Amino acid sequence: MSGFWVTSKEGNHSPEIVILRISGRNSKKPIMSKKAELVGSHFPTIYLTIISLLQGIALSQLIPNLLNYLKIVDNPWSHVQLVPLVLMLLVIFIVWHHYAIGIFFLRWFPNIMDTIIPFIISIGQFYLMSFLEVKTSMYDVNTEAWTLGYAIVLIVGSFAYFSASWRVDATLFTNLMSLKNGIIHRDLTKKYFLFAGFSILCQGTFALFLWMMHRTDWLLVSLVLLVAHLIVFEIVLLQSMRPHFEQALEEFEEDENKR
C-alpha cells in the first residue's frame, strides 16, 4: 500500500514543499525521521555537557567568596557589595537553566558556534569572578569594574539567545511530532528566545548605563530585572511552548499507534 509524506526545505524565504512518494512499511515514517533521530540522540549531550562543566567550575569559584563575604562583613545584607555576588550566582543559574531547557525545545546540526558561545560566556563569567575575590574586606569586591564586565557579558550573552532563535530547525523534530506541529513549535521557540535575547540585551545596556553614570549603588535594580527575566520567561514557557510541545508529542504517539 503506497502513500505520501510532505516535507519541507527551509531557506531564507518561504518553505519549499516537497512531496515524496514512498511505499510499504517505510511509509510509516517521514523521510526526515532518520536525520531527526540522529540529532535527537546526540544534540542534548553536545549542547549541555560543556556548559554544565563550565558552570560547575564557575559555581565552585563563587561560593567560597560568597561565604567569606558573609563571614567577615558586619551586616552583610546592607551593603551594595553583596549584589554583584548574588547577581553572579543568578547568572550561573540562568545560563545552566536555559541550556537545560534547550535540550528539550531546541534542535539543529551543531557547528563551531556551539563551542564558541559557551566558552565566550564562561570566559566572561571567570573574568567577572576575578572582581569578586573576598579575602579580608568587603571592599575587595570591585563593583565598578564588575559592573562594566557584567554589562559586556550580558550584551554578548544575548546573542546566545538570538542564535537559538535563528537556528532551531522544525524538520529535526519529525521523530517526535508531525512536521506541521514541528513548524508551530519552531515559531513559538523563535519568539521565546528572540524576546529573551532582547531582554538580556536591554539589561546589559542598563548595566552599562549604571557604570557610565558611576551609579553602582543601583545594581539592586539589575538584580530585580534579572529575577523578573527568569520568572516572566518561565511563565511564558509553561503557558505557551510546553503545552503545545506536550500536545504534539501525544498526537504523534496516537498517530503511531493507529498505524
C-alpha atoms as a PDB file:
ATOM      1  CA  MET A   1       0.000   0.000   0.000  1.00  0.00           C
ATOM      2  CA  SER A   2       1.559   3.317  -1.032  1.00  0.00           C
ATOM      3  CA  GLY A   3       1.248   6.802   0.476  1.00  0.00           C
ATOM      4  CA  PHE A   4       2.585  10.295   0.518  1.00  0.00           C
ATOM      5  CA  TRP A   5       4.641  12.298   3.018  1.00  0.00           C
ATOM      6  CA  VAL A   6       5.062  16.049   2.867  1.00  0.00           C
ATOM      7  CA  THR A   7       8.361  17.530   3.980  1.00  0.00           C
ATOM      8  CA  SER A   8       9.836  20.986   3.689  1.00  0.00           C
ATOM      9  CA  LYS A   9      13.167  22.541   2.901  1.00  0.00           C
ATOM     10  CA  GLU A  10      13.575  25.860   4.640  1.00  0.00           C
ATOM     11  CA  GLY A  11      15.536  28.630   3.028  1.00  0.00           C
ATOM     12  CA  ASN A  12      15.768  32.344   3.583  1.00  0.00           C
ATOM     13  CA  HIS A  13      12.219  32.782   2.334  1.00  0.00           C
ATOM     14  CA  SER A  14       9.070  30.634   2.463  1.00  0.00           C
ATOM     15  CA  PRO A  15       9.470  26.843   2.833  1.00  0.00           C
ATOM     16  CA  GLU A  16       9.704  24.819  -0.355  1.00  0.00           C
ATOM     17  CA  ILE A  17       7.221  21.970  -0.187  1.00  0.00           C
ATOM     18  CA  VAL A  18       8.491  18.656  -1.472  1.00  0.00           C
ATOM     19  CA  ILE A  19       6.110  15.711  -1.902  1.00  0.00           C
ATOM     20  CA  LEU A  20       7.771  12.343  -1.754  1.00  0.00           C
ATOM     21  CA  ARG A  21       6.045   9.075  -2.647  1.00  0.00           C
ATOM     22  CA  ILE A  22       7.131   6.128  -0.599  1.00  0.00           C
ATOM     23  CA  SER A  23       5.593   2.700  -0.286  1.00  0.00           C
ATOM     24  CA  GLY A  24       5.101  -0.225   2.018  1.00  0.00           C
ATOM     25  CA  ARG A  25       6.455  -0.333   5.541  1.00  0.00           C
ATOM     26  CA  ASN A  26       8.692   2.722   5.069  1.00  0.00           C
ATOM     27  CA  SER A  27       5.639   4.961   4.545  1.00  0.00           C
ATOM     28  CA  LYS A  28       5.023   4.937   8.285  1.00  0.00           C
ATOM     29  CA  LYS A  29       7.747   7.498   8.964  1.00  0.00           C
ATOM     30  CA  PRO A  30       8.598  10.886   7.481  1.00  0.00           C
ATOM     31  CA  ILE A  31      11.671  10.988   5.276  1.00  0.00           C
ATOM     32  CA  MET A  32      13.330  13.300   7.841  1.00  0.00           C
ATOM     33  CA  SER A  33      12.957  10.871  10.773  1.00  0.00           C
ATOM     34  CA  LYS A  34      16.456   9.355  10.483  1.00  0.00           C
ATOM     35  CA  LYS A  35      18.017  12.802  10.410  1.00  0.00           C
ATOM     36  CA  ALA A  36      15.847  13.846  13.357  1.00  0.00           C
ATOM     37  CA  GLU A  37      16.728  10.690  15.298  1.00  0.00           C
ATOM     38  CA  LEU A  38      20.449  11.291  14.751  1.00  0.00           C
ATOM     39  CA  VAL A  39      20.309  14.856  16.032  1.00  0.00           C
ATOM     40  CA  GLY A  40      17.880  13.935  18.817  1.00  0.00           C
ATOM     41  CA  SER A  41      20.248  11.231  20.079  1.00  0.00           C
ATOM     42  CA  HIS A  42      23.386  13.376  20.231  1.00  0.00           C
ATOM     43  CA  PHE A  43      22.292  17.013  20.407  1.00  0.00           C
ATOM     44  CA  PRO A  44      21.413  17.072  24.166  1.00  0.00           C
ATOM     45  CA  THR A  45      24.810  15.672  25.113  1.00  0.00           C
ATOM     46  CA  ILE A  46      26.737  18.105  22.913  1.00  0.00           C
ATOM     47  CA  TYR A  47      24.536  21.031  23.917  1.00  0.00           C
ATOM     48  CA  LEU A  48      24.579  20.555  27.698  1.00  0.00           C
ATOM     49  CA  THR A  49      27.817  18.772  28.622  1.00  0.00           C
ATOM     50  CA  ILE A  50      30.269  21.625  28.004  1.00  0.00           C
ATOM     51  CA  ILE A  51      28.131  24.318  29.611  1.00  0.00           C
ATOM     52  CA  SER A  52      27.378  22.131  32.663  1.00  0.00           C
ATOM     53  CA  LEU A  53      31.080  21.550  33.272  1.00  0.00           C
ATOM     54  CA  LEU A  54      31.933  25.242  32.912  1.00  0.00           C
ATOM     55  CA  GLN A  55      29.039  26.378  35.120  1.00  0.00           C
ATOM     56  CA  GLY A  56      30.130  23.900  37.787  1.00  0.00           C
ATOM     57  CA  ILE A  57      33.638  25.389  37.786  1.00  0.00           C
ATOM     58  CA  ALA A  58      32.232  28.939  37.955  1.00  0.00           C
ATOM     59  CA  LEU A  59      29.990  27.988  40.880  1.00  0.00           C
ATOM     60  CA  SER A  60      32.886  26.366  42.747  1.00  0.00           C
ATOM     61  CA  GLN A  61      34.804  29.654  42.477  1.00  0.00           C
ATOM     62  CA  LEU A  62      31.897  31.860  43.520  1.00  0.00           C
ATOM     63  CA  ILE A  63      30.602  30.059  46.611  1.00  0.00           C
ATOM     64  CA  PRO A  64      33.801  30.392  48.726  1.00  0.00           C
ATOM     65  CA  ASN A  65      33.867  34.146  48.051  1.00  0.00           C
ATOM     66  CA  LEU A  66      30.193  34.495  48.923  1.00  0.00           C
ATOM     67  CA  LEU A  67      30.706  32.574  52.171  1.00  0.00           C
ATOM     68  CA  ASN A  68      33.790  34.674  53.013  1.00  0.00           C
ATOM     69  CA  TYR A  69      31.791  37.837  52.469  1.00  0.00           C
ATOM     70  CA  LEU A  70      29.003  36.659  54.779  1.00  0.00           C
ATOM     71  CA  LYS A  71      31.577  35.624  57.380  1.00  0.00           C
ATOM     72  CA  ILE A  72      33.790  38.724  57.583  1.00  0.00           C
ATOM     73  CA  VAL A  73      31.321  41.564  56.913  1.00  0.00           C
ATOM     74  CA  ASP A  74      29.128  43.042  59.629  1.00  0.00           C
ATOM     75  CA  ASN A  75      25.514  43.401  58.476  1.00  0.00           C
ATOM     76  CA  PRO A  76      26.371  41.773  55.115  1.00  0.00           C
ATOM     77  CA  TRP A  77      22.852  42.238  53.713  1.00  0.00           C
ATOM     78  CA  SER A  78      23.030  46.028  53.928  1.00  0.00           C
ATOM     79  CA  HIS A  79      25.964  46.651  51.569  1.00  0.00           C
ATOM     80  CA  VAL A  80      25.955  47.025  47.784  1.00  0.00           C
ATOM     81  CA  GLN A  81      28.982  44.723  47.538  1.00  0.00           C
ATOM     82  CA  LEU A  82      26.670  41.771  48.146  1.00  0.00           C
ATOM     83  CA  VAL A  83      24.632  42.484  44.994  1.00  0.00           C
ATOM     84  CA  PRO A  84      27.345  41.500  42.463  1.00  0.00           C
ATOM     85  CA  LEU A  85      27.843  38.215  44.322  1.00  0.00           C
ATOM     86  CA  VAL A  86      24.117  37.428  44.203  1.00  0.00           C
ATOM     87  CA  LEU A  87      23.867  38.561  40.566  1.00  0.00           C
ATOM     88  CA  MET A  88      26.771  36.293  39.677  1.00  0.00           C
ATOM     89  CA  LEU A  89      25.020  33.354  41.339  1.00  0.00           C
ATOM     90  CA  LEU A  90      21.851  34.152  39.398  1.00  0.00           C
ATOM     91  CA  VAL A  91      23.747  34.434  36.097  1.00  0.00           C
ATOM     92  CA  ILE A  92      25.233  30.954  36.589  1.00  0.00           C
ATOM     93  CA  PHE A  93      21.787  29.572  37.407  1.00  0.00           C
ATOM     94  CA  ILE A  94      20.091  31.196  34.394  1.00  0.00           C
ATOM     95  CA  VAL A  95      22.796  30.082  31.952  1.00  0.00           C
ATOM     96  CA  TRP A  96      22.534  26.462  33.076  1.00  0.00           C
ATOM     97  CA  HIS A  97      18.733  26.548  33.318  1.00  0.00           C
ATOM     98  CA  HIS A  98      18.191  27.888  29.818  1.00  0.00           C
ATOM     99  CA  TYR A  99      20.681  25.428  28.352  1.00  0.00           C
ATOM    100  CA  ALA A 100      18.783  22.654  30.185  1.00  0.00           C
ATOM    101  CA  ILE A 101      15.529  23.913  28.629  1.00  0.00           C
ATOM    102  CA  GLY A 102      17.252  23.879  25.263  1.00  0.00           C
ATOM    103  CA  ILE A 103      17.845  20.128  25.262  1.00  0.00           C
ATOM    104  CA  PHE A 104      14.069  19.635  25.051  1.00  0.00           C
ATOM    105  CA  PHE A 105      12.919  22.547  22.909  1.00  0.00           C
ATOM    106  CA  LEU A 106      15.869  23.205  20.569  1.00  0.00           C
ATOM    107  CA  ARG A 107      17.439  21.176  17.760  1.00  0.00           C
ATOM    108  CA  TRP A 108      19.884  21.965  14.998  1.00  0.00           C
ATOM    109  CA  PHE A 109      23.041  20.487  13.497  1.00  0.00           C
ATOM    110  CA  PRO A 110      25.913  21.551  15.791  1.00  0.00           C
ATOM    111  CA  ASN A 111      28.825  23.540  14.425  1.00  0.00           C
ATOM    112  CA  ILE A 112      31.732  25.610  15.743  1.00  0.00           C
ATOM    113  CA  MET A 113      29.325  28.177  17.236  1.00  0.00           C
ATOM    114  CA  ASP A 114      28.141  25.568  19.739  1.00  0.00           C
ATOM    115  CA  THR A 115      31.659  25.541  21.175  1.00  0.00           C
ATOM    116  CA  ILE A 116      32.461  29.234  20.792  1.00  0.00           C
ATOM    117  CA  ILE A 117      29.323  30.579  22.511  1.00  0.00           C
ATOM    118  CA  PRO A 118      29.601  28.518  25.754  1.00  0.00           C
ATOM    119  CA  PHE A 119      33.313  29.278  26.020  1.00  0.00           C
ATOM    120  CA  ILE A 120      32.805  33.025  25.488  1.00  0.00           C
ATOM    121  CA  ILE A 121      30.064  33.058  28.142  1.00  0.00           C
ATOM    122  CA  SER A 122      32.249  31.122  30.590  1.00  0.00           C
ATOM    123  CA  ILE A 123      35.349  33.244  29.953  1.00  0.00           C
ATOM    124  CA  GLY A 124      33.188  36.275  30.707  1.00  0.00           C
ATOM    125  CA  GLN A 125      31.989  34.657  33.930  1.00  0.00           C
ATOM    126  CA  PHE A 126      35.528  33.852  35.067  1.00  0.00           C
ATOM    127  CA  TYR A 127      36.538  37.433  34.263  1.00  0.00           C
ATOM    128  CA  LEU A 128      33.692  38.719  36.427  1.00  0.00           C
ATOM    129  CA  MET A 129      34.721  36.346  39.195  1.00  0.00           C
ATOM    130  CA  SER A 130      38.155  37.979  39.357  1.00  0.00           C
ATOM    131  CA  PHE A 131      36.494  41.120  40.771  1.00  0.00           C
ATOM    132  CA  LEU A 132      34.642  39.184  43.465  1.00  0.00           C
ATOM    133  CA  GLU A 133      37.530  37.665  45.400  1.00  0.00           C
ATOM    134  CA  VAL A 134      36.740  38.431  49.042  1.00  0.00           C
ATOM    135  CA  LYS A 135      39.759  37.937  51.324  1.00  0.00           C
ATOM    136  CA  THR A 136      39.890  40.473  54.159  1.00  0.00           C
ATOM    137  CA  SER A 137      37.217  43.100  53.486  1.00  0.00           C
ATOM    138  CA  MET A 138      34.004  43.719  51.585  1.00  0.00           C
ATOM    139  CA  TYR A 139      35.919  46.369  49.665  1.00  0.00           C
ATOM    140  CA  ASP A 140      37.828  43.577  47.946  1.00  0.00           C
ATOM    141  CA  VAL A 141      34.748  43.471  45.703  1.00  0.00           C
ATOM    142  CA  ASN A 142      35.444  45.870  42.822  1.00  0.00           C
ATOM    143  CA  THR A 143      31.896  46.946  41.995  1.00  0.00           C
ATOM    144  CA  GLU A 144      32.863  49.464  39.289  1.00  0.00           C
ATOM    145  CA  ALA A 145      34.941  47.037  37.232  1.00  0.00           C
ATOM    146  CA  TRP A 146      32.464  44.220  37.854  1.00  0.00           C
ATOM    147  CA  THR A 147      29.526  46.311  36.617  1.00  0.00           C
ATOM    148  CA  LEU A 148      31.299  47.064  33.334  1.00  0.00           C
ATOM    149  CA  GLY A 149      32.167  43.389  32.892  1.00  0.00           C
ATOM    150  CA  TYR A 150      28.607  42.386  33.775  1.00  0.00           C
ATOM    151  CA  ALA A 151      27.214  44.734  31.121  1.00  0.00           C
ATOM    152  CA  ILE A 152      29.540  43.304  28.471  1.00  0.00           C
ATOM    153  CA  VAL A 153      28.741  39.705  29.437  1.00  0.00           C
ATOM    154  CA  LEU A 154      25.001  40.329  29.179  1.00  0.00           C
ATOM    155  CA  ILE A 155      25.260  42.130  25.851  1.00  0.00           C
ATOM    156  CA  VAL A 156      27.429  39.381  24.366  1.00  0.00           C
ATOM    157  CA  GLY A 157      25.364  36.654  26.050  1.00  0.00           C
ATOM    158  CA  SER A 158      22.175  37.942  24.434  1.00  0.00           C
ATOM    159  CA  PHE A 159      23.498  36.583  21.133  1.00  0.00           C
ATOM    160  CA  ALA A 160      23.273  33.053  22.541  1.00  0.00           C
ATOM    161  CA  TYR A 161      19.502  33.567  22.701  1.00  0.00           C
ATOM    162  CA  PHE A 162      19.431  35.116  19.234  1.00  0.00           C
ATOM    163  CA  SER A 163      21.472  32.212  17.872  1.00  0.00           C
ATOM    164  CA  ALA A 164      18.977  29.708  19.308  1.00  0.00           C
ATOM    165  CA  SER A 165      16.105  31.653  17.752  1.00  0.00           C
ATOM    166  CA  TRP A 166      17.758  31.719  14.332  1.00  0.00           C
ATOM    167  CA  ARG A 167      18.958  28.117  14.219  1.00  0.00           C
ATOM    168  CA  VAL A 168      16.103  25.968  15.577  1.00  0.00           C
ATOM    169  CA  ASP A 169      15.058  23.546  12.817  1.00  0.00           C
ATOM    170  CA  ALA A 170      11.470  22.257  12.605  1.00  0.00           C
ATOM    171  CA  THR A 171      12.377  19.219  10.479  1.00  0.00           C
ATOM    172  CA  LEU A 172      14.599  17.816  13.216  1.00  0.00           C
ATOM    173  CA  PHE A 173      11.571  17.193  15.456  1.00  0.00           C
ATOM    174  CA  THR A 174       9.821  14.869  12.988  1.00  0.00           C
ATOM    175  CA  ASN A 175      10.694  11.796  15.052  1.00  0.00           C
ATOM    176  CA  LEU A 176       8.670  13.326  17.906  1.00  0.00           C
ATOM    177  CA  MET A 177       5.841  15.209  16.196  1.00  0.00           C
ATOM    178  CA  SER A 178       4.335  15.906  12.801  1.00  0.00           C
ATOM    179  CA  LEU A 179       6.042  18.422  10.541  1.00  0.00           C
ATOM    180  CA  LYS A 180       3.053  20.754  10.956  1.00  0.00           C
ATOM    181  CA  ASN A 181       3.438  20.721  14.745  1.00  0.00           C
ATOM    182  CA  GLY A 182       7.202  20.984  14.351  1.00  0.00           C
ATOM    183  CA  ILE A 183       6.780  24.229  12.421  1.00  0.00           C
ATOM    184  CA  ILE A 184       4.414  25.596  15.078  1.00  0.00           C
ATOM    185  CA  HIS A 185       6.901  24.620  17.784  1.00  0.00           C
ATOM    186  CA  ARG A 186       9.730  26.259  15.855  1.00  0.00           C
ATOM    187  CA  ASP A 187       7.778  29.505  15.571  1.00  0.00           C
ATOM    188  CA  LEU A 188       6.938  29.528  19.297  1.00  0.00           C
ATOM    189  CA  THR A 189      10.547  28.765  20.159  1.00  0.00           C
ATOM    190  CA  LYS A 190      11.863  31.509  17.887  1.00  0.00           C
ATOM    191  CA  LYS A 191       9.643  34.079  19.598  1.00  0.00           C
ATOM    192  CA  TYR A 192      10.596  32.853  23.073  1.00  0.00           C
ATOM    193  CA  PHE A 193      14.351  33.029  22.544  1.00  0.00           C
ATOM    194  CA  LEU A 194      14.169  36.219  20.476  1.00  0.00           C
ATOM    195  CA  PHE A 195      12.336  38.114  23.214  1.00  0.00           C
ATOM    196  CA  ALA A 196      14.609  36.573  25.867  1.00  0.00           C
ATOM    197  CA  GLY A 197      17.612  37.810  23.888  1.00  0.00           C
ATOM    198  CA  PHE A 198      16.244  41.347  23.732  1.00  0.00           C
ATOM    199  CA  SER A 199      15.525  41.210  27.473  1.00  0.00           C
ATOM    200  CA  ILE A 200      19.144  40.330  28.269  1.00  0.00           C
ATOM    201  CA  LEU A 201      20.439  42.864  25.736  1.00  0.00           C
ATOM    202  CA  CYS A 202      18.404  45.642  27.379  1.00  0.00           C
ATOM    203  CA  GLN A 203      19.606  44.604  30.829  1.00  0.00           C
ATOM    204  CA  GLY A 204      23.203  44.695  29.642  1.00  0.00           C
ATOM    205  CA  THR A 205      22.619  48.177  28.220  1.00  0.00           C
ATOM    206  CA  PHE A 206      21.121  49.285  31.552  1.00  0.00           C
ATOM    207  CA  ALA A 207      24.147  47.944  33.448  1.00  0.00           C
ATOM    208  CA  LEU A 208      26.427  49.803  31.029  1.00  0.00           C
ATOM    209  CA  PHE A 209      24.449  52.976  31.778  1.00  0.00           C
ATOM    210  CA  LEU A 210      24.971  52.431  35.530  1.00  0.00           C
ATOM    211  CA  TRP A 211      28.715  52.085  35.004  1.00  0.00           C
ATOM    212  CA  MET A 212      28.898  55.219  32.853  1.00  0.00           C
ATOM    213  CA  MET A 213      26.953  57.198  35.487  1.00  0.00           C
ATOM    214  CA  HIS A 214      29.023  55.721  38.349  1.00  0.00           C
ATOM    215  CA  ARG A 215      25.810  54.515  39.997  1.00  0.00           C
ATOM    216  CA  THR A 216      26.753  51.021  41.072  1.00  0.00           C
ATOM    217  CA  ASP A 217      24.523  51.611  44.084  1.00  0.00           C
ATOM    218  CA  TRP A 218      21.630  50.972  41.667  1.00  0.00           C
ATOM    219  CA  LEU A 219      22.787  47.417  40.965  1.00  0.00           C
ATOM    220  CA  LEU A 220      19.861  46.210  43.052  1.00  0.00           C
ATOM    221  CA  VAL A 221      17.650  47.289  40.133  1.00  0.00           C
ATOM    222  CA  SER A 222      19.672  44.967  37.868  1.00  0.00           C
ATOM    223  CA  LEU A 223      19.045  42.153  40.335  1.00  0.00           C
ATOM    224  CA  VAL A 224      15.296  42.799  40.245  1.00  0.00           C
ATOM    225  CA  LEU A 225      15.332  42.902  36.430  1.00  0.00           C
ATOM    226  CA  LEU A 226      17.231  39.615  36.160  1.00  0.00           C
ATOM    227  CA  VAL A 227      14.857  37.869  38.572  1.00  0.00           C
ATOM    228  CA  ALA A 228      11.934  39.261  36.553  1.00  0.00           C
ATOM    229  CA  HIS A 229      13.552  37.916  33.363  1.00  0.00           C
ATOM    230  CA  LEU A 230      13.699  34.439  34.862  1.00  0.00           C
ATOM    231  CA  ILE A 231      10.134  34.499  36.200  1.00  0.00           C
ATOM    232  CA  VAL A 232       8.479  36.043  33.123  1.00  0.00           C
ATOM    233  CA  PHE A 233      10.103  33.687  30.648  1.00  0.00           C
ATOM    234  CA  GLU A 234       9.386  30.690  32.851  1.00  0.00           C
ATOM    235  CA  ILE A 235       5.695  31.670  32.811  1.00  0.00           C
ATOM    236  CA  VAL A 236       5.801  32.086  29.015  1.00  0.00           C
ATOM    237  CA  LEU A 237       7.415  28.655  28.741  1.00  0.00           C
ATOM    238  CA  LEU A 238       4.779  26.997  30.891  1.00  0.00           C
ATOM    239  CA  GLN A 239       1.850  28.712  29.169  1.00  0.00           C
ATOM    240  CA  SER A 240       2.827  28.530  25.503  1.00  0.00           C
ATOM    241  CA  MET A 241       5.779  26.370  24.431  1.00  0.00           C
ATOM    242  CA  ARG A 242       5.415  23.467  26.830  1.00  0.00           C
ATOM    243  CA  PRO A 243       1.637  22.822  26.402  1.00  0.00           C
ATOM    244  CA  HIS A 244       1.936  22.740  22.604  1.00  0.00           C
ATOM    245  CA  PHE A 245       5.073  20.582  22.799  1.00  0.00           C
ATOM    246  CA  GLU A 246       3.357  18.027  25.041  1.00  0.00           C
ATOM    247  CA  GLN A 247       0.199  18.028  22.895  1.00  0.00           C
ATOM    248  CA  ALA A 248       2.273  17.494  19.746  1.00  0.00           C
ATOM    249  CA  LEU A 249       4.036  14.522  21.366  1.00  0.00           C
ATOM    250  CA  GLU A 250       0.706  12.975  22.358  1.00  0.00           C
ATOM    251  CA  GLU A 251      -0.779  13.447  18.881  1.00  0.00           C
ATOM    252  CA  PHE A 252       2.289  11.878  17.283  1.00  0.00           C
ATOM    253  CA  GLU A 253       2.105   8.888  19.625  1.00  0.00           C
ATOM    254  CA  GLU A 254      -1.590   8.425  18.889  1.00  0.00           C
ATOM    255  CA  ASP A 255      -0.908   8.532  15.139  1.00  0.00           C
ATOM    256  CA  GLU A 256       1.878   5.973  15.516  1.00  0.00           C
ATOM    257  CA  ASN A 257      -0.381   3.623  17.500  1.00  0.00           C
ATOM    258  CA  LYS A 258      -3.062   3.795  14.811  1.00  0.00           C
ATOM    259  CA  ARG A 259      -0.721   2.601  12.072  1.00  0.00           C
END
